[in-house]
Amino acid sequence: MALDLSFSVEERNDNLVLIITDTTGQYADPSNTGGWQEGAAINPDPADIDGVTHTLELSVTITLSDGTSTTYDDIDLYDEFGPFSDLNDLVFELDCSMFSSSGTALGTDEDEFPDGVYEFTYMYDQGLTAEDLETSTALIEGQVRNQVYEDLRAIPNTYDCEDCKTKYILDSILAKAWLDAIYSSAYVAQTEEILSNLSTLETLVTDGSRYTWQ
């Protein structure tokens, strides 16, 4: 048997925190032979992670809508969040201050995460005999999403009176439709398409569309 890592990624609504949750589960034969095991008879026990003998780390590469890509230093999850007693401890709330590249932090704990495509690699015992790695890619779009909904909330009451011909209202509706299209049709494997659509949406919420709607 061997550990078979899995995890999920969630962005908090204020865009200040990314929540990485270990979803590997508890070892069970035959239903989950790749899970963590308390007592470590077959598979690793989270309680045995000490940052030296056994390690748990996270690698992140962020690609922005303009194509700029930055790989950040590996985050030692034990140093930041350990020690771990059981599976319930394997939930990691990360802020921008924890991401550093060439000595420069992505931001402070009060900065929002930038929108883009994030590639995460979750690593147990990196470089050691029992190494297990799991990579997942996610679209992080909290800033533009919140702006779309803020614009929709600001639509004046004239829309309720069936007067939706103003440019602001129609641009806001277009931006929401663009956001929905990204959710429904884009796949993380199609990075270029996602980044192109994200770039267009960022322009829509910042500068408005080029349409005159006349």
N, C-alpha and C. Protein backbone atom coordinates (compact mmCIF):
# COMPACT_ATOMS: atom_id res chain seq x y z
N MET A 1 0.84 -1.19 0.00
CA MET A 1 0.00 0.00 0.00
C MET A 1 0.88 1.25 0.00
N ALA A 2 0.28 2.39 -0.36
CA ALA A 2 1.02 3.65 -0.37
C ALA A 2 0.04 4.80 -0.25
N LEU A 3 0.54 5.90 0.27
CA LEU A 3 -0.28 7.10 0.39
C LEU A 3 -0.64 7.63 -1.00
N ASP A 4 -1.87 8.06 -1.16
CA ASP A 4 -2.33 8.63 -2.42
C ASP A 4 -3.01 9.96 -2.10
N LEU A 5 -2.22 11.03 -2.09
CA LEU A 5 -2.70 12.33 -1.66
C LEU A 5 -3.77 12.90 -2.57
N SER A 6 -4.69 13.65 -1.98
CA SER A 6 -5.63 14.48 -2.71
C SER A 6 -5.97 15.69 -1.84
N PHE A 7 -6.43 16.77 -2.49
CA PHE A 7 -6.73 17.99 -1.74
C PHE A 7 -7.69 18.86 -2.54
N SER A 8 -8.30 19.80 -1.85
CA SER A 8 -9.19 20.75 -2.51
C SER A 8 -8.69 22.17 -2.24
N VAL A 9 -9.12 23.10 -3.10
CA VAL A 9 -8.71 24.50 -2.99
C VAL A 9 -9.96 25.37 -2.96
N GLU A 10 -10.02 26.29 -2.03
CA GLU A 10 -11.14 27.22 -1.93
C GLU A 10 -10.61 28.61 -1.61
N GLU A 11 -11.17 29.61 -2.27
CA GLU A 11 -10.81 30.99 -1.96
C GLU A 11 -11.88 31.61 -1.09
N ARG A 12 -11.47 32.21 0.02
CA ARG A 12 -12.43 32.86 0.90
C ARG A 12 -13.05 34.07 0.20
N ASN A 13 -14.26 34.42 0.55
CA ASN A 13 -14.99 35.45 -0.17
C ASN A 13 -14.30 36.80 -0.19
N ASP A 14 -13.49 37.09 0.84
CA ASP A 14 -12.79 38.37 0.86
C ASP A 14 -11.48 38.34 0.07
N ASN A 15 -11.16 37.20 -0.53
CA ASN A 15 -9.96 37.01 -1.37
C ASN A 15 -8.65 37.13 -0.61
N LEU A 16 -8.69 37.13 0.72
CA LEU A 16 -7.49 37.27 1.52
C LEU A 16 -6.87 35.93 1.90
N VAL A 17 -7.62 34.85 1.74
CA VAL A 17 -7.16 33.54 2.20
C VAL A 17 -7.51 32.45 1.18
N LEU A 18 -6.54 31.59 0.91
CA LEU A 18 -6.78 30.35 0.17
C LEU A 18 -6.80 29.21 1.17
N ILE A 19 -7.83 28.39 1.12
CA ILE A 19 -7.97 27.28 2.05
C ILE A 19 -7.66 25.97 1.32
N ILE A 20 -6.58 25.34 1.71
CA ILE A 20 -6.18 24.04 1.16
C ILE A 20 -6.61 22.97 2.16
N THR A 21 -7.46 22.05 1.71
CA THR A 21 -7.97 21.01 2.59
C THR A 21 -7.53 19.64 2.09
N ASP A 22 -6.85 18.89 2.93
CA ASP A 22 -6.47 17.52 2.58
C ASP A 22 -7.72 16.66 2.49
N THR A 23 -7.93 16.02 1.35
CA THR A 23 -9.10 15.16 1.14
C THR A 23 -8.69 13.70 0.93
N THR A 24 -7.47 13.37 1.35
CA THR A 24 -6.96 12.01 1.17
C THR A 24 -7.81 10.99 1.91
N GLY A 25 -8.27 11.36 3.10
CA GLY A 25 -9.12 10.47 3.87
C GLY A 25 -8.35 9.49 4.72
N GLN A 26 -9.12 8.71 5.48
CA GLN A 26 -8.56 7.71 6.40
C GLN A 26 -8.35 6.39 5.67
N TYR A 27 -7.25 5.72 5.96
CA TYR A 27 -6.99 4.40 5.37
C TYR A 27 -8.11 3.43 5.71
N ALA A 28 -8.56 2.73 4.68
CA ALA A 28 -9.55 1.66 4.86
C ALA A 28 -9.38 0.66 3.73
N ASP A 29 -9.32 -0.61 4.07
CA ASP A 29 -9.15 -1.68 3.09
C ASP A 29 -10.47 -2.41 2.90
N PRO A 30 -11.02 -2.41 1.69
CA PRO A 30 -10.41 -2.01 0.42
C PRO A 30 -10.86 -0.65 -0.10
N SER A 31 -11.67 0.09 0.64
CA SER A 31 -12.31 1.28 0.08
C SER A 31 -11.37 2.47 -0.09
N ASN A 32 -10.33 2.59 0.74
CA ASN A 32 -9.41 3.73 0.61
C ASN A 32 -8.01 3.31 1.05
N THR A 33 -7.37 2.50 0.24
CA THR A 33 -6.05 2.00 0.60
C THR A 33 -4.96 3.05 0.47
N GLY A 34 -5.30 4.23 -0.10
CA GLY A 34 -4.32 5.30 -0.21
C GLY A 34 -4.46 6.35 0.87
N GLY A 35 -5.27 6.08 1.90
CA GLY A 35 -5.52 7.08 2.93
C GLY A 35 -4.47 7.12 4.03
N TRP A 36 -4.54 8.18 4.84
CA TRP A 36 -3.68 8.28 6.01
C TRP A 36 -4.10 7.22 7.04
N GLN A 37 -3.15 6.79 7.84
CA GLN A 37 -3.47 5.76 8.84
C GLN A 37 -2.89 6.11 10.20
N GLU A 38 -3.76 6.26 11.17
CA GLU A 38 -3.29 6.50 12.54
C GLU A 38 -2.58 5.24 13.04
N GLY A 39 -1.42 5.44 13.61
CA GLY A 39 -0.62 4.30 14.06
C GLY A 39 0.40 3.86 13.04
N ALA A 40 0.22 4.29 11.78
CA ALA A 40 1.21 4.07 10.71
C ALA A 40 1.63 2.63 10.52
N ALA A 41 0.70 1.69 10.63
CA ALA A 41 1.03 0.29 10.38
C ALA A 41 1.32 0.04 8.91
N ILE A 42 0.57 0.71 8.02
CA ILE A 42 0.72 0.49 6.58
C ILE A 42 1.05 1.81 5.87
N ASN A 43 0.18 2.79 6.02
CA ASN A 43 0.36 4.10 5.41
C ASN A 43 0.78 5.14 6.45
N PRO A 44 1.29 6.30 6.03
CA PRO A 44 1.77 7.31 6.98
C PRO A 44 0.67 7.84 7.90
N ASP A 45 1.09 8.27 9.06
CA ASP A 45 0.23 8.89 10.06
C ASP A 45 0.56 10.38 10.09
N PRO A 46 -0.44 11.27 9.97
CA PRO A 46 -0.15 12.72 10.03
C PRO A 46 0.61 13.12 11.29
N ALA A 47 0.40 12.41 12.39
CA ALA A 47 1.06 12.75 13.65
C ALA A 47 2.57 12.54 13.59
N ASP A 48 3.03 11.75 12.60
CA ASP A 48 4.46 11.48 12.47
C ASP A 48 5.20 12.55 11.68
N ILE A 49 4.47 13.48 11.08
CA ILE A 49 5.11 14.56 10.32
C ILE A 49 5.77 15.52 11.31
N ASP A 50 7.08 15.70 11.16
CA ASP A 50 7.82 16.56 12.09
C ASP A 50 8.65 17.62 11.37
N GLY A 51 8.53 17.66 10.04
CA GLY A 51 9.28 18.64 9.26
C GLY A 51 10.68 18.19 8.89
N VAL A 52 11.14 17.05 9.43
CA VAL A 52 12.48 16.54 9.14
C VAL A 52 12.42 15.09 8.67
N THR A 53 12.02 14.21 9.59
CA THR A 53 11.89 12.79 9.23
C THR A 53 10.79 12.60 8.20
N HIS A 54 9.69 13.28 8.41
CA HIS A 54 8.58 13.28 7.46
C HIS A 54 8.12 14.73 7.26
N THR A 55 7.89 15.09 6.01
CA THR A 55 7.58 16.48 5.68
C THR A 55 6.26 16.59 4.93
N LEU A 56 5.69 17.79 4.97
CA LEU A 56 4.48 18.11 4.22
C LEU A 56 4.63 19.53 3.70
N GLU A 57 4.60 19.68 2.37
CA GLU A 57 4.89 20.97 1.76
C GLU A 57 3.90 21.27 0.64
N LEU A 58 3.90 22.53 0.22
CA LEU A 58 3.03 22.97 -0.88
C LEU A 58 3.83 23.88 -1.80
N SER A 59 3.77 23.57 -3.10
CA SER A 59 4.40 24.39 -4.12
C SER A 59 3.30 25.07 -4.93
N VAL A 60 3.50 26.35 -5.28
CA VAL A 60 2.48 27.09 -6.01
C VAL A 60 3.11 27.89 -7.14
N THR A 61 2.51 27.79 -8.32
CA THR A 61 2.86 28.64 -9.46
C THR A 61 1.62 29.41 -9.87
N ILE A 62 1.74 30.73 -9.97
CA ILE A 62 0.61 31.59 -10.32
C ILE A 62 0.85 32.21 -11.69
N THR A 63 -0.11 32.04 -12.60
CA THR A 63 -0.05 32.66 -13.91
C THR A 63 -1.18 33.67 -14.03
N LEU A 64 -0.82 34.93 -14.24
CA LEU A 64 -1.80 36.02 -14.32
C LEU A 64 -2.40 36.10 -15.71
N SER A 65 -3.42 36.93 -15.86
CA SER A 65 -4.12 37.02 -17.15
C SER A 65 -3.25 37.55 -18.26
N ASP A 66 -2.16 38.27 -17.92
CA ASP A 66 -1.25 38.76 -18.96
C ASP A 66 -0.18 37.75 -19.33
N GLY A 67 -0.26 36.55 -18.76
CA GLY A 67 0.68 35.48 -19.07
C GLY A 67 1.88 35.43 -18.14
N THR A 68 2.04 36.41 -17.27
CA THR A 68 3.16 36.40 -16.33
C THR A 68 3.02 35.25 -15.34
N SER A 69 4.07 34.46 -15.22
CA SER A 69 4.03 33.28 -14.36
C SER A 69 5.13 33.35 -13.31
N THR A 70 4.76 33.09 -12.06
CA THR A 70 5.72 33.11 -10.96
C THR A 70 5.60 31.84 -10.14
N THR A 71 6.72 31.18 -9.92
CA THR A 71 6.75 30.01 -9.04
C THR A 71 7.29 30.44 -7.68
N TYR A 72 6.53 30.18 -6.65
CA TYR A 72 6.89 30.61 -5.30
C TYR A 72 7.63 29.49 -4.56
N ASP A 73 8.40 29.90 -3.57
CA ASP A 73 9.15 28.93 -2.76
C ASP A 73 8.18 27.95 -2.11
N ASP A 74 8.64 26.71 -1.96
CA ASP A 74 7.81 25.71 -1.29
C ASP A 74 7.45 26.18 0.11
N ILE A 75 6.19 25.99 0.46
CA ILE A 75 5.71 26.34 1.80
C ILE A 75 5.78 25.09 2.68
N ASP A 76 6.51 25.19 3.78
CA ASP A 76 6.59 24.09 4.75
C ASP A 76 5.34 24.14 5.62
N LEU A 77 4.41 23.25 5.34
CA LEU A 77 3.13 23.27 6.04
C LEU A 77 3.27 22.89 7.51
N TYR A 78 4.27 22.08 7.83
CA TYR A 78 4.50 21.75 9.23
C TYR A 78 4.96 22.98 10.00
N ASP A 79 5.90 23.73 9.43
CA ASP A 79 6.38 24.94 10.10
C ASP A 79 5.25 25.95 10.31
N GLU A 80 4.38 26.07 9.32
CA GLU A 80 3.31 27.07 9.38
C GLU A 80 2.13 26.63 10.24
N PHE A 81 1.81 25.32 10.21
CA PHE A 81 0.55 24.87 10.82
C PHE A 81 0.69 23.70 11.78
N GLY A 82 1.87 23.08 11.84
CA GLY A 82 2.03 21.90 12.68
C GLY A 82 2.17 22.24 14.16
N PRO A 83 2.25 21.21 15.00
CA PRO A 83 2.19 19.79 14.64
C PRO A 83 0.76 19.33 14.34
N PHE A 84 0.67 18.16 13.71
CA PHE A 84 -0.63 17.60 13.34
C PHE A 84 -0.91 16.37 14.20
N SER A 85 -2.10 16.32 14.76
CA SER A 85 -2.45 15.16 15.58
C SER A 85 -3.29 14.15 14.80
N ASP A 86 -4.12 14.65 13.86
CA ASP A 86 -4.95 13.75 13.06
C ASP A 86 -5.35 14.46 11.77
N LEU A 87 -6.23 13.83 10.99
CA LEU A 87 -6.64 14.36 9.69
C LEU A 87 -7.30 15.73 9.80
N ASN A 88 -7.98 15.98 10.89
CA ASN A 88 -8.68 17.25 11.04
C ASN A 88 -7.74 18.45 11.06
N ASP A 89 -6.46 18.20 11.33
CA ASP A 89 -5.48 19.28 11.37
C ASP A 89 -4.96 19.65 9.98
N LEU A 90 -5.28 18.84 8.97
CA LEU A 90 -4.73 19.05 7.63
C LEU A 90 -5.61 19.99 6.80
N VAL A 91 -5.87 21.15 7.37
CA VAL A 91 -6.58 22.24 6.70
C VAL A 91 -5.70 23.47 6.84
N PHE A 92 -5.34 24.09 5.71
CA PHE A 92 -4.32 25.13 5.74
C PHE A 92 -4.88 26.42 5.15
N GLU A 93 -4.92 27.47 5.96
CA GLU A 93 -5.41 28.77 5.52
C GLU A 93 -4.19 29.65 5.20
N LEU A 94 -4.01 29.90 3.92
CA LEU A 94 -2.83 30.61 3.44
C LEU A 94 -3.17 32.04 3.05
N ASP A 95 -2.30 32.99 3.43
CA ASP A 95 -2.47 34.36 2.97
C ASP A 95 -1.26 34.76 2.13
N CYS A 96 -1.32 35.93 1.53
CA CYS A 96 -0.27 36.34 0.58
C CYS A 96 1.11 36.44 1.20
N SER A 97 1.19 36.69 2.50
CA SER A 97 2.49 36.82 3.15
C SER A 97 3.26 35.50 3.17
N MET A 98 2.58 34.38 2.97
CA MET A 98 3.22 33.07 3.03
C MET A 98 3.82 32.65 1.69
N PHE A 99 3.58 33.44 0.64
CA PHE A 99 4.10 33.13 -0.69
C PHE A 99 5.27 34.06 -0.98
N SER A 100 6.45 33.47 -1.20
CA SER A 100 7.65 34.27 -1.41
C SER A 100 8.42 33.76 -2.62
N SER A 101 8.93 34.70 -3.44
CA SER A 101 9.75 34.35 -4.59
C SER A 101 10.98 35.25 -4.60
N SER A 102 12.16 34.63 -4.54
CA SER A 102 13.43 35.37 -4.51
C SER A 102 13.44 36.41 -3.40
N GLY A 103 12.87 36.04 -2.26
CA GLY A 103 12.88 36.91 -1.10
C GLY A 103 11.79 37.97 -1.08
N THR A 104 10.96 38.00 -2.11
CA THR A 104 9.88 38.99 -2.18
C THR A 104 8.54 38.31 -1.96
N ALA A 105 7.80 38.78 -0.97
CA ALA A 105 6.49 38.18 -0.67
C ALA A 105 5.45 38.63 -1.69
N LEU A 106 4.48 37.76 -1.93
CA LEU A 106 3.37 38.11 -2.82
C LEU A 106 2.62 39.31 -2.28
N GLY A 107 2.56 39.43 -0.95
CA GLY A 107 1.86 40.55 -0.33
C GLY A 107 1.86 40.37 1.17
N THR A 108 0.97 41.08 1.83
CA THR A 108 0.81 40.95 3.28
C THR A 108 -0.45 40.13 3.56
N ASP A 109 -0.72 39.91 4.84
CA ASP A 109 -1.92 39.16 5.18
C ASP A 109 -3.19 39.98 4.97
N GLU A 110 -3.04 41.24 4.56
CA GLU A 110 -4.19 42.09 4.27
C GLU A 110 -4.39 42.32 2.78
N ASP A 111 -3.56 41.66 1.95
CA ASP A 111 -3.67 41.81 0.49
C ASP A 111 -4.52 40.69 -0.10
N GLU A 112 -5.25 41.01 -1.16
CA GLU A 112 -6.05 40.02 -1.87
C GLU A 112 -5.16 39.20 -2.81
N PHE A 113 -5.52 37.95 -3.00
CA PHE A 113 -4.81 37.12 -3.97
C PHE A 113 -5.14 37.61 -5.38
N PRO A 114 -4.15 37.66 -6.26
CA PRO A 114 -4.42 38.08 -7.64
C PRO A 114 -5.21 37.01 -8.39
N ASP A 115 -6.02 37.44 -9.32
CA ASP A 115 -6.75 36.51 -10.16
C ASP A 115 -5.79 35.85 -11.15
N GLY A 116 -6.02 34.59 -11.44
CA GLY A 116 -5.18 33.88 -12.40
C GLY A 116 -5.37 32.38 -12.28
N VAL A 117 -4.52 31.64 -12.96
CA VAL A 117 -4.52 30.18 -12.89
C VAL A 117 -3.40 29.76 -11.93
N TYR A 118 -3.79 29.01 -10.90
CA TYR A 118 -2.86 28.58 -9.87
C TYR A 118 -2.61 27.08 -10.01
N GLU A 119 -1.34 26.70 -10.05
CA GLU A 119 -0.97 25.28 -10.03
C GLU A 119 -0.39 24.95 -8.67
N PHE A 120 -1.05 24.04 -7.97
CA PHE A 120 -0.63 23.63 -6.62
C PHE A 120 -0.04 22.23 -6.69
N THR A 121 1.07 22.02 -6.00
CA THR A 121 1.61 20.68 -5.81
C THR A 121 1.73 20.42 -4.32
N TYR A 122 0.99 19.43 -3.85
CA TYR A 122 0.92 19.05 -2.44
C TYR A 122 1.88 17.88 -2.26
N MET A 123 2.83 17.99 -1.31
CA MET A 123 3.95 17.07 -1.28
C MET A 123 4.18 16.49 0.11
N TYR A 124 4.18 15.17 0.19
CA TYR A 124 4.57 14.46 1.41
C TYR A 124 5.94 13.84 1.19
N ASP A 125 6.84 14.07 2.12
CA ASP A 125 8.20 13.51 2.08
C ASP A 125 8.90 13.79 0.75
N GLN A 126 8.85 15.05 0.30
CA GLN A 126 9.49 15.40 -0.96
C GLN A 126 10.98 15.04 -0.92
N GLY A 127 11.43 14.28 -1.92
CA GLY A 127 12.83 13.88 -2.02
C GLY A 127 13.22 12.71 -1.14
N LEU A 128 12.27 12.19 -0.36
CA LEU A 128 12.55 11.05 0.52
C LEU A 128 11.98 9.77 -0.08
N THR A 129 12.22 8.66 0.59
CA THR A 129 11.84 7.35 0.05
C THR A 129 10.35 7.22 -0.18
N ALA A 130 9.55 7.73 0.74
CA ALA A 130 8.10 7.56 0.67
C ALA A 130 7.40 8.73 -0.03
N GLU A 131 8.12 9.45 -0.87
CA GLU A 131 7.58 10.66 -1.50
C GLU A 131 6.25 10.41 -2.22
N ASP A 132 5.30 11.32 -2.00
CA ASP A 132 4.05 11.29 -2.74
C ASP A 132 3.67 12.73 -3.08
N LEU A 133 3.36 12.98 -4.34
CA LEU A 133 3.03 14.32 -4.82
C LEU A 133 1.68 14.30 -5.52
N GLU A 134 0.93 15.36 -5.35
CA GLU A 134 -0.35 15.51 -6.07
C GLU A 134 -0.44 16.94 -6.58
N THR A 135 -0.68 17.10 -7.88
CA THR A 135 -0.75 18.42 -8.50
C THR A 135 -2.17 18.69 -8.98
N SER A 136 -2.62 19.91 -8.75
CA SER A 136 -3.96 20.32 -9.19
C SER A 136 -3.91 21.78 -9.62
N THR A 137 -4.70 22.12 -10.63
CA THR A 137 -4.75 23.49 -11.15
C THR A 137 -6.14 24.07 -10.91
N ALA A 138 -6.17 25.33 -10.50
CA ALA A 138 -7.45 25.97 -10.19
C ALA A 138 -7.47 27.40 -10.70
N LEU A 139 -8.64 27.84 -11.12
CA LEU A 139 -8.85 29.24 -11.47
C LEU A 139 -9.21 30.00 -10.20
N ILE A 140 -8.42 31.02 -9.86
CA ILE A 140 -8.70 31.90 -8.74
C ILE A 140 -9.16 33.23 -9.33
N GLU A 141 -10.40 33.62 -9.06
CA GLU A 141 -10.98 34.77 -9.75
C GLU A 141 -11.81 35.64 -8.80
N GLY A 142 -11.43 35.65 -7.53
CA GLY A 142 -12.23 36.34 -6.52
C GLY A 142 -12.34 37.83 -6.73
N GLN A 143 -11.27 38.48 -7.18
CA GLN A 143 -11.32 39.93 -7.34
C GLN A 143 -12.32 40.33 -8.42
N VAL A 144 -12.21 39.70 -9.59
CA VAL A 144 -13.10 40.07 -10.68
C VAL A 144 -14.53 39.61 -10.39
N ARG A 145 -14.69 38.47 -9.73
CA ARG A 145 -16.03 37.99 -9.38
C ARG A 145 -16.73 38.97 -8.45
N ASN A 146 -16.01 39.41 -7.42
CA ASN A 146 -16.62 40.34 -6.48
C ASN A 146 -16.97 41.67 -7.14
N GLN A 147 -16.13 42.10 -8.10
CA GLN A 147 -16.43 43.35 -8.80
C GLN A 147 -17.66 43.22 -9.67
N VAL A 148 -17.81 42.06 -10.32
CA VAL A 148 -19.01 41.82 -11.14
C VAL A 148 -20.26 41.93 -10.29
N TYR A 149 -20.26 41.29 -9.12
CA TYR A 149 -21.44 41.32 -8.26
C TYR A 149 -21.65 42.70 -7.63
N GLU A 150 -20.55 43.40 -7.38
CA GLU A 150 -20.68 44.77 -6.86
C GLU A 150 -21.34 45.67 -7.90
N ASP A 151 -20.97 45.51 -9.16
CA ASP A 151 -21.58 46.29 -10.24
C ASP A 151 -23.05 45.95 -10.39
N LEU A 152 -23.38 44.67 -10.25
CA LEU A 152 -24.79 44.28 -10.36
C LEU A 152 -25.61 44.88 -9.22
N ARG A 153 -25.03 44.90 -8.02
CA ARG A 153 -25.74 45.48 -6.88
C ARG A 153 -25.97 46.98 -7.05
N ALA A 154 -25.10 47.61 -7.84
CA ALA A 154 -25.20 49.06 -8.02
C ALA A 154 -26.15 49.46 -9.14
N ILE A 155 -26.72 48.48 -9.84
CA ILE A 155 -27.65 48.82 -10.92
C ILE A 155 -28.83 49.59 -10.33
N PRO A 156 -29.13 50.73 -10.89
CA PRO A 156 -30.21 51.55 -10.33
C PRO A 156 -31.58 50.93 -10.51
N ASN A 157 -32.56 51.51 -9.84
CA ASN A 157 -33.91 50.97 -9.85
C ASN A 157 -34.58 51.03 -11.21
N THR A 158 -34.00 51.78 -12.15
CA THR A 158 -34.61 51.85 -13.47
C THR A 158 -34.68 50.48 -14.13
N TYR A 159 -33.74 49.59 -13.74
CA TYR A 159 -33.78 48.24 -14.32
C TYR A 159 -35.05 47.51 -13.90
N ASP A 160 -35.48 47.74 -12.66
CA ASP A 160 -36.70 47.11 -12.18
C ASP A 160 -37.93 47.63 -12.92
N CYS A 161 -37.79 48.78 -13.53
CA CYS A 161 -38.90 49.37 -14.30
C CYS A 161 -38.79 49.01 -15.78
N GLU A 162 -37.97 47.99 -16.07
CA GLU A 162 -37.79 47.47 -17.42
C GLU A 162 -37.08 48.46 -18.33
N ASP A 163 -36.33 49.40 -17.75
CA ASP A 163 -35.52 50.31 -18.54
C ASP A 163 -34.07 49.89 -18.36
N CYS A 164 -33.60 49.02 -19.25
CA CYS A 164 -32.24 48.48 -19.11
C CYS A 164 -31.37 48.88 -20.29
N LYS A 165 -31.59 50.07 -20.82
CA LYS A 165 -30.89 50.48 -22.02
C LYS A 165 -29.66 51.34 -21.74
N THR A 166 -29.38 51.64 -20.48
CA THR A 166 -28.21 52.45 -20.19
C THR A 166 -26.95 51.59 -20.34
N LYS A 167 -25.84 52.22 -20.72
CA LYS A 167 -24.59 51.49 -20.96
C LYS A 167 -24.10 50.80 -19.69
N TYR A 168 -24.20 51.46 -18.54
CA TYR A 168 -23.72 50.85 -17.30
C TYR A 168 -24.46 49.54 -17.02
N ILE A 169 -25.77 49.56 -17.15
CA ILE A 169 -26.55 48.36 -16.87
C ILE A 169 -26.20 47.25 -17.85
N LEU A 170 -26.14 47.57 -19.12
CA LEU A 170 -25.87 46.54 -20.12
C LEU A 170 -24.44 46.01 -20.01
N ASP A 171 -23.50 46.87 -19.67
CA ASP A 171 -22.13 46.41 -19.45
C ASP A 171 -22.05 45.47 -18.24
N SER A 172 -22.80 45.79 -17.19
CA SER A 172 -22.81 44.95 -15.99
C SER A 172 -23.40 43.58 -16.30
N ILE A 173 -24.48 43.55 -17.08
CA ILE A 173 -25.10 42.29 -17.47
C ILE A 173 -24.15 41.48 -18.36
N LEU A 174 -23.44 42.18 -19.25
CA LEU A 174 -22.47 41.49 -20.11
C LEU A 174 -21.35 40.87 -19.28
N ALA A 175 -20.86 41.60 -18.29
CA ALA A 175 -19.78 41.08 -17.44
C ALA A 175 -20.24 39.84 -16.68
N LYS A 176 -21.47 39.86 -16.16
CA LYS A 176 -21.98 38.69 -15.46
C LYS A 176 -22.11 37.50 -16.41
N ALA A 177 -22.56 37.75 -17.63
CA ALA A 177 -22.68 36.68 -18.62
C ALA A 177 -21.30 36.12 -18.96
N TRP A 178 -20.29 36.98 -19.05
CA TRP A 178 -18.94 36.54 -19.35
C TRP A 178 -18.39 35.67 -18.22
N LEU A 179 -18.65 36.09 -16.98
CA LEU A 179 -18.22 35.30 -15.83
C LEU A 179 -18.89 33.93 -15.84
N ASP A 180 -20.18 33.88 -16.12
CA ASP A 180 -20.90 32.61 -16.18
C ASP A 180 -20.33 31.72 -17.28
N ALA A 181 -19.96 32.33 -18.41
CA ALA A 181 -19.40 31.55 -19.51
C ALA A 181 -18.06 30.93 -19.13
N ILE A 182 -17.26 31.66 -18.37
CA ILE A 182 -15.98 31.11 -17.91
C ILE A 182 -16.24 29.88 -17.04
N TYR A 183 -17.20 29.99 -16.14
CA TYR A 183 -17.51 28.87 -15.24
C TYR A 183 -18.02 27.65 -16.01
N SER A 184 -18.84 27.89 -17.01
CA SER A 184 -19.52 26.77 -17.68
C SER A 184 -18.72 26.11 -18.80
N SER A 185 -17.79 26.83 -19.39
CA SER A 185 -17.14 26.28 -20.58
C SER A 185 -15.63 26.15 -20.49
N ALA A 186 -15.01 26.77 -19.53
CA ALA A 186 -13.55 26.74 -19.45
C ALA A 186 -13.07 25.58 -18.58
N TYR A 187 -11.99 24.93 -19.01
CA TYR A 187 -11.38 23.85 -18.26
C TYR A 187 -9.98 24.27 -17.87
N VAL A 188 -9.55 23.86 -16.68
CA VAL A 188 -8.24 24.29 -16.21
C VAL A 188 -7.13 23.81 -17.12
N ALA A 189 -7.37 22.74 -17.90
CA ALA A 189 -6.35 22.27 -18.83
C ALA A 189 -6.17 23.24 -19.99
N GLN A 190 -7.18 24.08 -20.24
CA GLN A 190 -7.11 25.06 -21.33
C GLN A 190 -6.68 26.41 -20.76
N THR A 191 -5.44 26.45 -20.29
CA THR A 191 -4.95 27.62 -19.57
C THR A 191 -5.02 28.89 -20.41
N GLU A 192 -4.60 28.82 -21.66
CA GLU A 192 -4.59 30.01 -22.51
C GLU A 192 -5.99 30.58 -22.69
N GLU A 193 -6.97 29.71 -22.89
CA GLU A 193 -8.35 30.16 -23.07
C GLU A 193 -8.87 30.81 -21.78
N ILE A 194 -8.59 30.20 -20.65
CA ILE A 194 -9.04 30.77 -19.38
C ILE A 194 -8.43 32.14 -19.15
N LEU A 195 -7.12 32.26 -19.38
CA LEU A 195 -6.44 33.53 -19.14
C LEU A 195 -6.94 34.61 -20.09
N SER A 196 -7.22 34.24 -21.34
CA SER A 196 -7.76 35.20 -22.30
C SER A 196 -9.13 35.70 -21.86
N ASN A 197 -9.99 34.79 -21.44
CA ASN A 197 -11.32 35.18 -20.97
C ASN A 197 -11.24 36.01 -19.69
N LEU A 198 -10.32 35.64 -18.81
CA LEU A 198 -10.15 36.40 -17.57
C LEU A 198 -9.68 37.82 -17.88
N SER A 199 -8.74 37.95 -18.82
CA SER A 199 -8.24 39.27 -19.21
C SER A 199 -9.37 40.14 -19.76
N THR A 200 -10.23 39.56 -20.60
CA THR A 200 -11.36 40.30 -21.16
C THR A 200 -12.30 40.75 -20.06
N LEU A 201 -12.58 39.86 -19.12
CA LEU A 201 -13.49 40.21 -18.04
C LEU A 201 -12.91 41.30 -17.14
N GLU A 202 -11.61 41.23 -16.88
CA GLU A 202 -10.97 42.27 -16.08
C GLU A 202 -11.10 43.64 -16.76
N THR A 203 -10.97 43.65 -18.08
CA THR A 203 -11.13 44.90 -18.82
C THR A 203 -12.57 45.39 -18.76
N LEU A 204 -13.52 44.47 -18.85
CA LEU A 204 -14.93 44.85 -18.79
C LEU A 204 -15.28 45.53 -17.47
N VAL A 205 -14.81 44.97 -16.35
CA VAL A 205 -15.20 45.54 -15.06
C VAL A 205 -14.39 46.78 -14.71
N THR A 206 -13.25 46.97 -15.38
CA THR A 206 -12.41 48.14 -15.10
C THR A 206 -12.75 49.31 -16.02
N ASP A 207 -12.87 49.03 -17.33
CA ASP A 207 -13.03 50.10 -18.32
C ASP A 207 -14.38 50.08 -19.02
N GLY A 208 -15.18 49.04 -18.78
CA GLY A 208 -16.42 48.91 -19.52
C GLY A 208 -16.17 48.34 -20.90
N SER A 209 -17.25 48.03 -21.61
CA SER A 209 -17.13 47.46 -22.94
C SER A 209 -16.98 48.56 -23.99
N ARG A 210 -16.66 48.15 -25.21
CA ARG A 210 -16.59 49.10 -26.33
C ARG A 210 -17.94 49.29 -27.00
N TYR A 211 -18.92 48.54 -26.57
CA TYR A 211 -20.24 48.64 -27.18
C TYR A 211 -20.92 49.94 -26.76
N THR A 212 -21.61 50.57 -27.73
CA THR A 212 -22.39 51.75 -27.40
C THR A 212 -23.81 51.40 -27.02
N TRP A 213 -24.21 50.15 -27.35
CA TRP A 213 -25.55 49.63 -27.04
C TRP A 213 -26.66 50.50 -27.65
N GLN A 214 -26.38 51.05 -28.83
CA GLN A 214 -27.40 51.86 -29.50
C GLN A 214 -28.00 51.10 -30.67
